[in-house]
Amino acid sequence: MPEQAMAGTGGTAFEDVWIWLKENIEGTLGRIICGAIVVVGIVAGIARQSLISFAIGIGGGMGLYNTPTIIESIVSAMIEHADKASTLVMTLNNGL
């Protein structure tokens, strides 16, 4: 088992773009867009007489708002409770 995980440190040129995009998605503009997606889902659900369209609108709005958090969680190499996890992995590794 490796001692530590190392993520890439390149791409600092795009850091400003990521911060701008994240602030827009999680800020007022993102909330307006998420609300519009939910409203469109409600209208589509009423028009089609189906709850699936309504659920897709809710899921799309929630997914858009949480996208920056999800992306940062996937691409980061930080494990918050690594000390506890390493004990579990060693326990599972030897079969006991």
C-alpha atoms as a PDB file:
ATOM      1  CA  MET A   1       0.000   0.000   0.000  1.00  0.00           C
ATOM      2  CA  PRO A   2       1.491   3.386  -0.954  1.00  0.00           C
ATOM      3  CA  GLU A   3       2.483   5.752   1.815  1.00  0.00           C
ATOM      4  CA  GLN A   4       0.853   8.816   0.263  1.00  0.00           C
ATOM      5  CA  ALA A   5      -1.097   9.909  -2.803  1.00  0.00           C
ATOM      6  CA  MET A   6       0.263  12.699  -4.947  1.00  0.00           C
ATOM      7  CA  ALA A   7      -2.025  14.692  -7.233  1.00  0.00           C
ATOM      8  CA  GLY A   8      -0.890  16.828 -10.144  1.00  0.00           C
ATOM      9  CA  THR A   9       0.017  20.398  -9.337  1.00  0.00           C
ATOM     10  CA  GLY A  10      -0.197  21.794 -12.876  1.00  0.00           C
ATOM     11  CA  GLY A  11      -3.007  23.821 -14.345  1.00  0.00           C
ATOM     12  CA  THR A  12      -2.710  26.894 -12.164  1.00  0.00           C
ATOM     13  CA  ALA A  13      -3.447  28.989 -15.251  1.00  0.00           C
ATOM     14  CA  PHE A  14      -7.044  27.774 -15.089  1.00  0.00           C
ATOM     15  CA  GLU A  15      -7.510  28.302 -11.344  1.00  0.00           C
ATOM     16  CA  ASP A  16      -9.182  31.679 -11.892  1.00  0.00           C
ATOM     17  CA  VAL A  17     -11.614  30.149 -14.393  1.00  0.00           C
ATOM     18  CA  TRP A  18     -12.525  27.362 -11.953  1.00  0.00           C
ATOM     19  CA  ILE A  19     -13.088  29.824  -9.101  1.00  0.00           C
ATOM     20  CA  TRP A  20     -15.267  32.039 -11.348  1.00  0.00           C
ATOM     21  CA  LEU A  21     -17.305  29.072 -12.558  1.00  0.00           C
ATOM     22  CA  LYS A  22     -17.733  27.669  -9.037  1.00  0.00           C
ATOM     23  CA  GLU A  23     -18.838  31.037  -7.645  1.00  0.00           C
ATOM     24  CA  ASN A  24     -21.396  31.423 -10.449  1.00  0.00           C
ATOM     25  CA  ILE A  25     -22.801  27.918 -10.025  1.00  0.00           C
ATOM     26  CA  GLU A  26     -23.062  28.134  -6.240  1.00  0.00           C
ATOM     27  CA  GLY A  27     -24.016  31.818  -6.203  1.00  0.00           C
ATOM     28  CA  THR A  28     -27.150  33.689  -7.165  1.00  0.00           C
ATOM     29  CA  LEU A  29     -26.866  32.899 -10.886  1.00  0.00           C
ATOM     30  CA  GLY A  30     -26.582  29.177 -10.173  1.00  0.00           C
ATOM     31  CA  ARG A  31     -29.575  29.258  -7.850  1.00  0.00           C
ATOM     32  CA  ILE A  32     -31.644  31.003 -10.526  1.00  0.00           C
ATOM     33  CA  ILE A  33     -30.628  28.411 -13.132  1.00  0.00           C
ATOM     34  CA  CYS A  34     -31.326  25.540 -10.710  1.00  0.00           C
ATOM     35  CA  GLY A  35     -34.722  27.026  -9.899  1.00  0.00           C
ATOM     36  CA  ALA A  36     -35.504  27.361 -13.609  1.00  0.00           C
ATOM     37  CA  ILE A  37     -34.548  23.709 -14.191  1.00  0.00           C
ATOM     38  CA  VAL A  38     -36.853  22.642 -11.364  1.00  0.00           C
ATOM     39  CA  VAL A  39     -39.725  24.783 -12.694  1.00  0.00           C
ATOM     40  CA  VAL A  40     -39.264  23.359 -16.207  1.00  0.00           C
ATOM     41  CA  GLY A  41     -39.319  19.867 -14.676  1.00  0.00           C
ATOM     42  CA  ILE A  42     -42.557  20.656 -12.837  1.00  0.00           C
ATOM     43  CA  VAL A  43     -44.163  22.028 -16.010  1.00  0.00           C
ATOM     44  CA  ALA A  44     -42.973  19.030 -18.047  1.00  0.00           C
ATOM     45  CA  GLY A  45     -44.293  16.692 -15.351  1.00  0.00           C
ATOM     46  CA  ILE A  46     -47.697  18.360 -15.463  1.00  0.00           C
ATOM     47  CA  ALA A  47     -47.764  18.385 -19.281  1.00  0.00           C
ATOM     48  CA  ARG A  48     -46.792  14.720 -19.570  1.00  0.00           C
ATOM     49  CA  GLN A  49     -48.797  13.609 -16.550  1.00  0.00           C
ATOM     50  CA  SER A  50     -45.665  11.933 -15.239  1.00  0.00           C
ATOM     51  CA  LEU A  51     -43.640  12.200 -12.064  1.00  0.00           C
ATOM     52  CA  ILE A  52     -40.459  11.178 -13.901  1.00  0.00           C
ATOM     53  CA  SER A  53     -40.147  14.577 -15.625  1.00  0.00           C
ATOM     54  CA  PHE A  54     -40.628  16.260 -12.264  1.00  0.00           C
ATOM     55  CA  ALA A  55     -37.951  14.036 -10.691  1.00  0.00           C
ATOM     56  CA  ILE A  56     -35.524  14.735 -13.545  1.00  0.00           C
ATOM     57  CA  GLY A  57     -35.994  18.488 -13.032  1.00  0.00           C
ATOM     58  CA  ILE A  58     -35.338  18.188  -9.289  1.00  0.00           C
ATOM     59  CA  GLY A  59     -32.326  15.930  -9.895  1.00  0.00           C
ATOM     60  CA  GLY A  60     -30.932  18.250 -12.564  1.00  0.00           C
ATOM     61  CA  GLY A  61     -31.203  21.284 -10.302  1.00  0.00           C
ATOM     62  CA  MET A  62     -29.597  19.514  -7.359  1.00  0.00           C
ATOM     63  CA  GLY A  63     -26.910  18.024  -9.600  1.00  0.00           C
ATOM     64  CA  LEU A  64     -25.991  21.386 -11.101  1.00  0.00           C
ATOM     65  CA  TYR A  65     -25.729  23.071  -7.715  1.00  0.00           C
ATOM     66  CA  ASN A  66     -23.558  20.284  -6.266  1.00  0.00           C
ATOM     67  CA  THR A  67     -21.361  19.811  -9.361  1.00  0.00           C
ATOM     68  CA  PRO A  68     -18.330  21.812  -8.066  1.00  0.00           C
ATOM     69  CA  THR A  69     -18.310  19.864  -4.791  1.00  0.00           C
ATOM     70  CA  ILE A  70     -18.585  16.548  -6.629  1.00  0.00           C
ATOM     71  CA  ILE A  71     -15.797  17.414  -9.070  1.00  0.00           C
ATOM     72  CA  GLU A  72     -13.465  18.579  -6.291  1.00  0.00           C
ATOM     73  CA  SER A  73     -14.179  15.410  -4.317  1.00  0.00           C
ATOM     74  CA  ILE A  74     -13.414  13.176  -7.290  1.00  0.00           C
ATOM     75  CA  VAL A  75     -10.171  14.817  -8.394  1.00  0.00           C
ATOM     76  CA  SER A  76      -8.679  15.515  -4.989  1.00  0.00           C
ATOM     77  CA  ALA A  77      -6.413  12.921  -3.407  1.00  0.00           C
ATOM     78  CA  MET A  78      -7.133  13.895   0.183  1.00  0.00           C
ATOM     79  CA  ILE A  79      -8.555  11.282   2.504  1.00  0.00           C
ATOM     80  CA  GLU A  80      -9.905  12.851   5.681  1.00  0.00           C
ATOM     81  CA  HIS A  81      -9.717   9.758   7.878  1.00  0.00           C
ATOM     82  CA  ALA A  82      -6.691   8.043   6.330  1.00  0.00           C
ATOM     83  CA  ASP A  83      -5.265   6.991   9.704  1.00  0.00           C
ATOM     84  CA  LYS A  84      -8.411   5.010  10.524  1.00  0.00           C
ATOM     85  CA  ALA A  85      -8.719   3.622   6.997  1.00  0.00           C
ATOM     86  CA  SER A  86      -5.143   2.309   6.938  1.00  0.00           C
ATOM     87  CA  THR A  87      -5.829   0.231  10.057  1.00  0.00           C
ATOM     88  CA  LEU A  88      -8.918  -1.225   8.404  1.00  0.00           C
ATOM     89  CA  VAL A  89      -7.053  -1.983   5.183  1.00  0.00           C
ATOM     90  CA  MET A  90      -4.263  -3.760   7.090  1.00  0.00           C
ATOM     91  CA  THR A  91      -6.870  -5.762   8.977  1.00  0.00           C
ATOM     92  CA  LEU A  92      -8.625  -6.763   5.760  1.00  0.00           C
ATOM     93  CA  ASN A  93      -5.317  -7.459   4.025  1.00  0.00           C
ATOM     94  CA  ASN A  94      -4.221 -10.193   6.434  1.00  0.00           C
ATOM     95  CA  GLY A  95      -7.665 -11.780   6.524  1.00  0.00           C
ATOM     96  CA  LEU A  96      -8.416 -11.197  10.210  1.00  0.00           C
END
